[in-house]
């Protein structure tokens, strides 16, 4: 895939989001989909059979653990929506390509 963003950050984000899904799914299949649009925005979608709930909204806001916090520190914008299949949910991470004036590698400090 041709994407001009920081691939090391993208790989770390993929690792964090997939690990989180696998750790919380119990039984079921976890699916990973990567795509980039015409504006060079990368979309990382991780779908699992667990439904979304209030705890997920809290986790996305940074209320649980460091995985999603790290995703945001690496430049990912995190959201979720019901899976297209009607069963489970999809966590979507949206990553912008680097700006002409921005840093290619974000600095990350532990919380």
C-alpha atoms as a PDB file:
ATOM      1  CA  UNK A   1       0.000   0.000   0.000  1.00  0.00           C
ATOM      2  CA  UNK A   2       1.353   3.416  -0.886  1.00  0.00           C
ATOM      3  CA  UNK A   3       0.902   5.657   2.155  1.00  0.00           C
ATOM      4  CA  UNK A   4       3.260   8.544   2.889  1.00  0.00           C
ATOM      5  CA  UNK A   5       2.802   8.571   6.666  1.00  0.00           C
ATOM      6  CA  UNK A   6       5.030   7.192   9.390  1.00  0.00           C
ATOM      7  CA  UNK A   7       4.900   3.434   8.849  1.00  0.00           C
ATOM      8  CA  UNK A   8       6.547   2.658  12.200  1.00  0.00           C
ATOM      9  CA  UNK A   9       3.756   4.537  14.000  1.00  0.00           C
ATOM     10  CA  UNK A  10       1.149   2.772  11.868  1.00  0.00           C
ATOM     11  CA  UNK A  11       2.595  -0.659  12.698  1.00  0.00           C
ATOM     12  CA  UNK A  12       2.658   0.179  16.421  1.00  0.00           C
ATOM     13  CA  UNK A  13      -0.959   1.378  16.244  1.00  0.00           C
ATOM     14  CA  UNK A  14      -2.036  -1.783  14.412  1.00  0.00           C
ATOM     15  CA  UNK A  15      -0.297  -3.880  17.066  1.00  0.00           C
ATOM     16  CA  UNK A  16      -2.010  -2.025  19.931  1.00  0.00           C
ATOM     17  CA  UNK A  17      -5.520  -2.109  18.444  1.00  0.00           C
ATOM     18  CA  UNK A  18      -5.362  -5.756  17.359  1.00  0.00           C
ATOM     19  CA  UNK A  19      -3.862  -6.826  20.708  1.00  0.00           C
ATOM     20  CA  UNK A  20      -6.629  -4.980  22.539  1.00  0.00           C
ATOM     21  CA  UNK A  21      -9.317  -6.702  20.458  1.00  0.00           C
ATOM     22  CA  UNK A  22      -7.778 -10.156  20.911  1.00  0.00           C
ATOM     23  CA  UNK A  23      -7.388  -9.618  24.672  1.00  0.00           C
ATOM     24  CA  UNK A  24     -11.055  -8.643  25.079  1.00  0.00           C
ATOM     25  CA  UNK A  25     -12.899 -10.702  22.468  1.00  0.00           C
ATOM     26  CA  UNK A  26     -12.984 -14.086  24.186  1.00  0.00           C
ATOM     27  CA  UNK A  27     -14.283 -16.330  21.389  1.00  0.00           C
ATOM     28  CA  UNK A  28     -14.641 -15.103  17.848  1.00  0.00           C
ATOM     29  CA  UNK A  29     -12.808 -13.708  14.875  1.00  0.00           C
ATOM     30  CA  UNK A  30     -10.886 -10.429  14.830  1.00  0.00           C
ATOM     31  CA  UNK A  31     -10.554  -8.849  11.380  1.00  0.00           C
ATOM     32  CA  UNK A  32      -8.025  -6.203  10.327  1.00  0.00           C
ATOM     33  CA  UNK A  33      -8.615  -3.987   7.290  1.00  0.00           C
ATOM     34  CA  UNK A  34      -6.219  -1.310   6.035  1.00  0.00           C
ATOM     35  CA  UNK A  35      -7.083   1.290   3.424  1.00  0.00           C
ATOM     36  CA  UNK A  36      -5.911   4.710   2.293  1.00  0.00           C
ATOM     37  CA  UNK A  37      -8.110   7.284   0.604  1.00  0.00           C
ATOM     38  CA  UNK A  38      -7.359   9.777  -2.152  1.00  0.00           C
ATOM     39  CA  UNK A  39      -6.214  12.336   0.458  1.00  0.00           C
ATOM     40  CA  UNK A  40      -3.556   9.885   1.740  1.00  0.00           C
ATOM     41  CA  UNK A  41      -5.444   9.259   4.994  1.00  0.00           C
ATOM     42  CA  UNK A  42      -4.831   5.766   6.381  1.00  0.00           C
ATOM     43  CA  UNK A  43      -7.747   3.865   7.927  1.00  0.00           C
ATOM     44  CA  UNK A  44      -7.036   0.974  10.282  1.00  0.00           C
ATOM     45  CA  UNK A  45     -10.236  -0.967  11.027  1.00  0.00           C
ATOM     46  CA  UNK A  46     -10.319  -3.779  13.577  1.00  0.00           C
ATOM     47  CA  UNK A  47     -13.632  -5.623  13.799  1.00  0.00           C
ATOM     48  CA  UNK A  48     -14.548  -8.081  16.547  1.00  0.00           C
ATOM     49  CA  UNK A  49     -17.761  -9.791  17.688  1.00  0.00           C
ATOM     50  CA  UNK A  50     -18.072  -7.911  21.001  1.00  0.00           C
ATOM     51  CA  UNK A  51     -20.685  -5.156  20.959  1.00  0.00           C
ATOM     52  CA  UNK A  52     -19.687  -1.588  21.734  1.00  0.00           C
ATOM     53  CA  UNK A  53     -20.813  -0.185  25.071  1.00  0.00           C
ATOM     54  CA  UNK A  54     -20.306   2.649  27.545  1.00  0.00           C
ATOM     55  CA  UNK A  55     -16.989   1.182  28.713  1.00  0.00           C
ATOM     56  CA  UNK A  56     -15.700   1.423  25.158  1.00  0.00           C
ATOM     57  CA  UNK A  57     -16.576   5.124  24.974  1.00  0.00           C
ATOM     58  CA  UNK A  58     -14.737   5.631  28.269  1.00  0.00           C
ATOM     59  CA  UNK A  59     -11.707   3.699  26.992  1.00  0.00           C
ATOM     60  CA  UNK A  60     -11.648   5.794  23.823  1.00  0.00           C
ATOM     61  CA  UNK A  61     -11.646   8.905  26.008  1.00  0.00           C
ATOM     62  CA  UNK A  62      -8.513   7.590  27.757  1.00  0.00           C
ATOM     63  CA  UNK A  63     -10.192   6.183  30.853  1.00  0.00           C
ATOM     64  CA  UNK A  64      -8.749   2.644  30.694  1.00  0.00           C
ATOM     65  CA  UNK A  65      -5.188   1.457  30.153  1.00  0.00           C
ATOM     66  CA  UNK A  66      -2.551   2.932  27.902  1.00  0.00           C
ATOM     67  CA  UNK A  67      -3.186   1.191  24.547  1.00  0.00           C
ATOM     68  CA  UNK A  68      -5.648   3.684  23.085  1.00  0.00           C
ATOM     69  CA  UNK A  69      -3.795   6.558  24.776  1.00  0.00           C
ATOM     70  CA  UNK A  70      -0.675   5.450  22.890  1.00  0.00           C
ATOM     71  CA  UNK A  71      -2.634   5.210  19.637  1.00  0.00           C
ATOM     72  CA  UNK A  72      -3.661   8.861  20.032  1.00  0.00           C
ATOM     73  CA  UNK A  73      -0.109   9.902  20.953  1.00  0.00           C
ATOM     74  CA  UNK A  74       1.131   8.312  17.729  1.00  0.00           C
ATOM     75  CA  UNK A  75      -1.294  10.407  15.689  1.00  0.00           C
ATOM     76  CA  UNK A  76      -4.310   8.120  15.474  1.00  0.00           C
ATOM     77  CA  UNK A  77      -7.853   9.448  15.734  1.00  0.00           C
ATOM     78  CA  UNK A  78      -9.926   6.646  17.304  1.00  0.00           C
ATOM     79  CA  UNK A  79     -13.645   6.002  16.856  1.00  0.00           C
ATOM     80  CA  UNK A  80     -15.977   3.012  16.751  1.00  0.00           C
ATOM     81  CA  UNK A  81     -19.192   1.958  15.060  1.00  0.00           C
ATOM     82  CA  UNK A  82     -21.354  -1.179  14.832  1.00  0.00           C
ATOM     83  CA  UNK A  83     -19.881  -3.801  12.499  1.00  0.00           C
ATOM     84  CA  UNK A  84     -21.384  -3.979   9.009  1.00  0.00           C
ATOM     85  CA  UNK A  85     -22.387  -7.592   9.705  1.00  0.00           C
ATOM     86  CA  UNK A  86     -24.696  -6.397  12.467  1.00  0.00           C
ATOM     87  CA  UNK A  87     -22.683  -8.384  15.041  1.00  0.00           C
ATOM     88  CA  UNK A  88     -19.949  -6.704  17.043  1.00  0.00           C
ATOM     89  CA  UNK A  89     -18.117  -3.471  16.408  1.00  0.00           C
ATOM     90  CA  UNK A  90     -15.333  -1.908  14.416  1.00  0.00           C
ATOM     91  CA  UNK A  91     -12.639   0.232  15.987  1.00  0.00           C
ATOM     92  CA  UNK A  92     -11.381   2.698  13.391  1.00  0.00           C
ATOM     93  CA  UNK A  93      -8.089   4.537  13.635  1.00  0.00           C
ATOM     94  CA  UNK A  94      -7.649   7.376  11.175  1.00  0.00           C
ATOM     95  CA  UNK A  95      -4.108   8.576  10.493  1.00  0.00           C
ATOM     96  CA  UNK A  96      -3.353  11.751   8.579  1.00  0.00           C
ATOM     97  CA  UNK A  97      -0.331  11.879   6.308  1.00  0.00           C
ATOM     98  CA  UNK A  98       2.511  14.027   7.631  1.00  0.00           C
ATOM     99  CA  UNK A  99       2.048  17.754   7.155  1.00  0.00           C
ATOM    100  CA  UNK A 100       4.654  19.721   5.295  1.00  0.00           C
ATOM    101  CA  UNK A 101       5.631  21.534   8.495  1.00  0.00           C
ATOM    102  CA  UNK A 102       4.895  18.771  11.022  1.00  0.00           C
ATOM    103  CA  UNK A 103       7.201  16.190  12.505  1.00  0.00           C
ATOM    104  CA  UNK A 104       7.280  12.823  10.760  1.00  0.00           C
ATOM    105  CA  UNK A 105       7.718  10.954  14.071  1.00  0.00           C
ATOM    106  CA  UNK A 106       5.661  12.093  17.051  1.00  0.00           C
ATOM    107  CA  UNK A 107       7.367  12.187  20.431  1.00  0.00           C
ATOM    108  CA  UNK A 108       5.650   9.895  22.942  1.00  0.00           C
ATOM    109  CA  UNK A 109       5.953  10.148  26.711  1.00  0.00           C
ATOM    110  CA  UNK A 110       4.381   7.627  29.063  1.00  0.00           C
ATOM    111  CA  UNK A 111       1.320   8.793  31.042  1.00  0.00           C
END
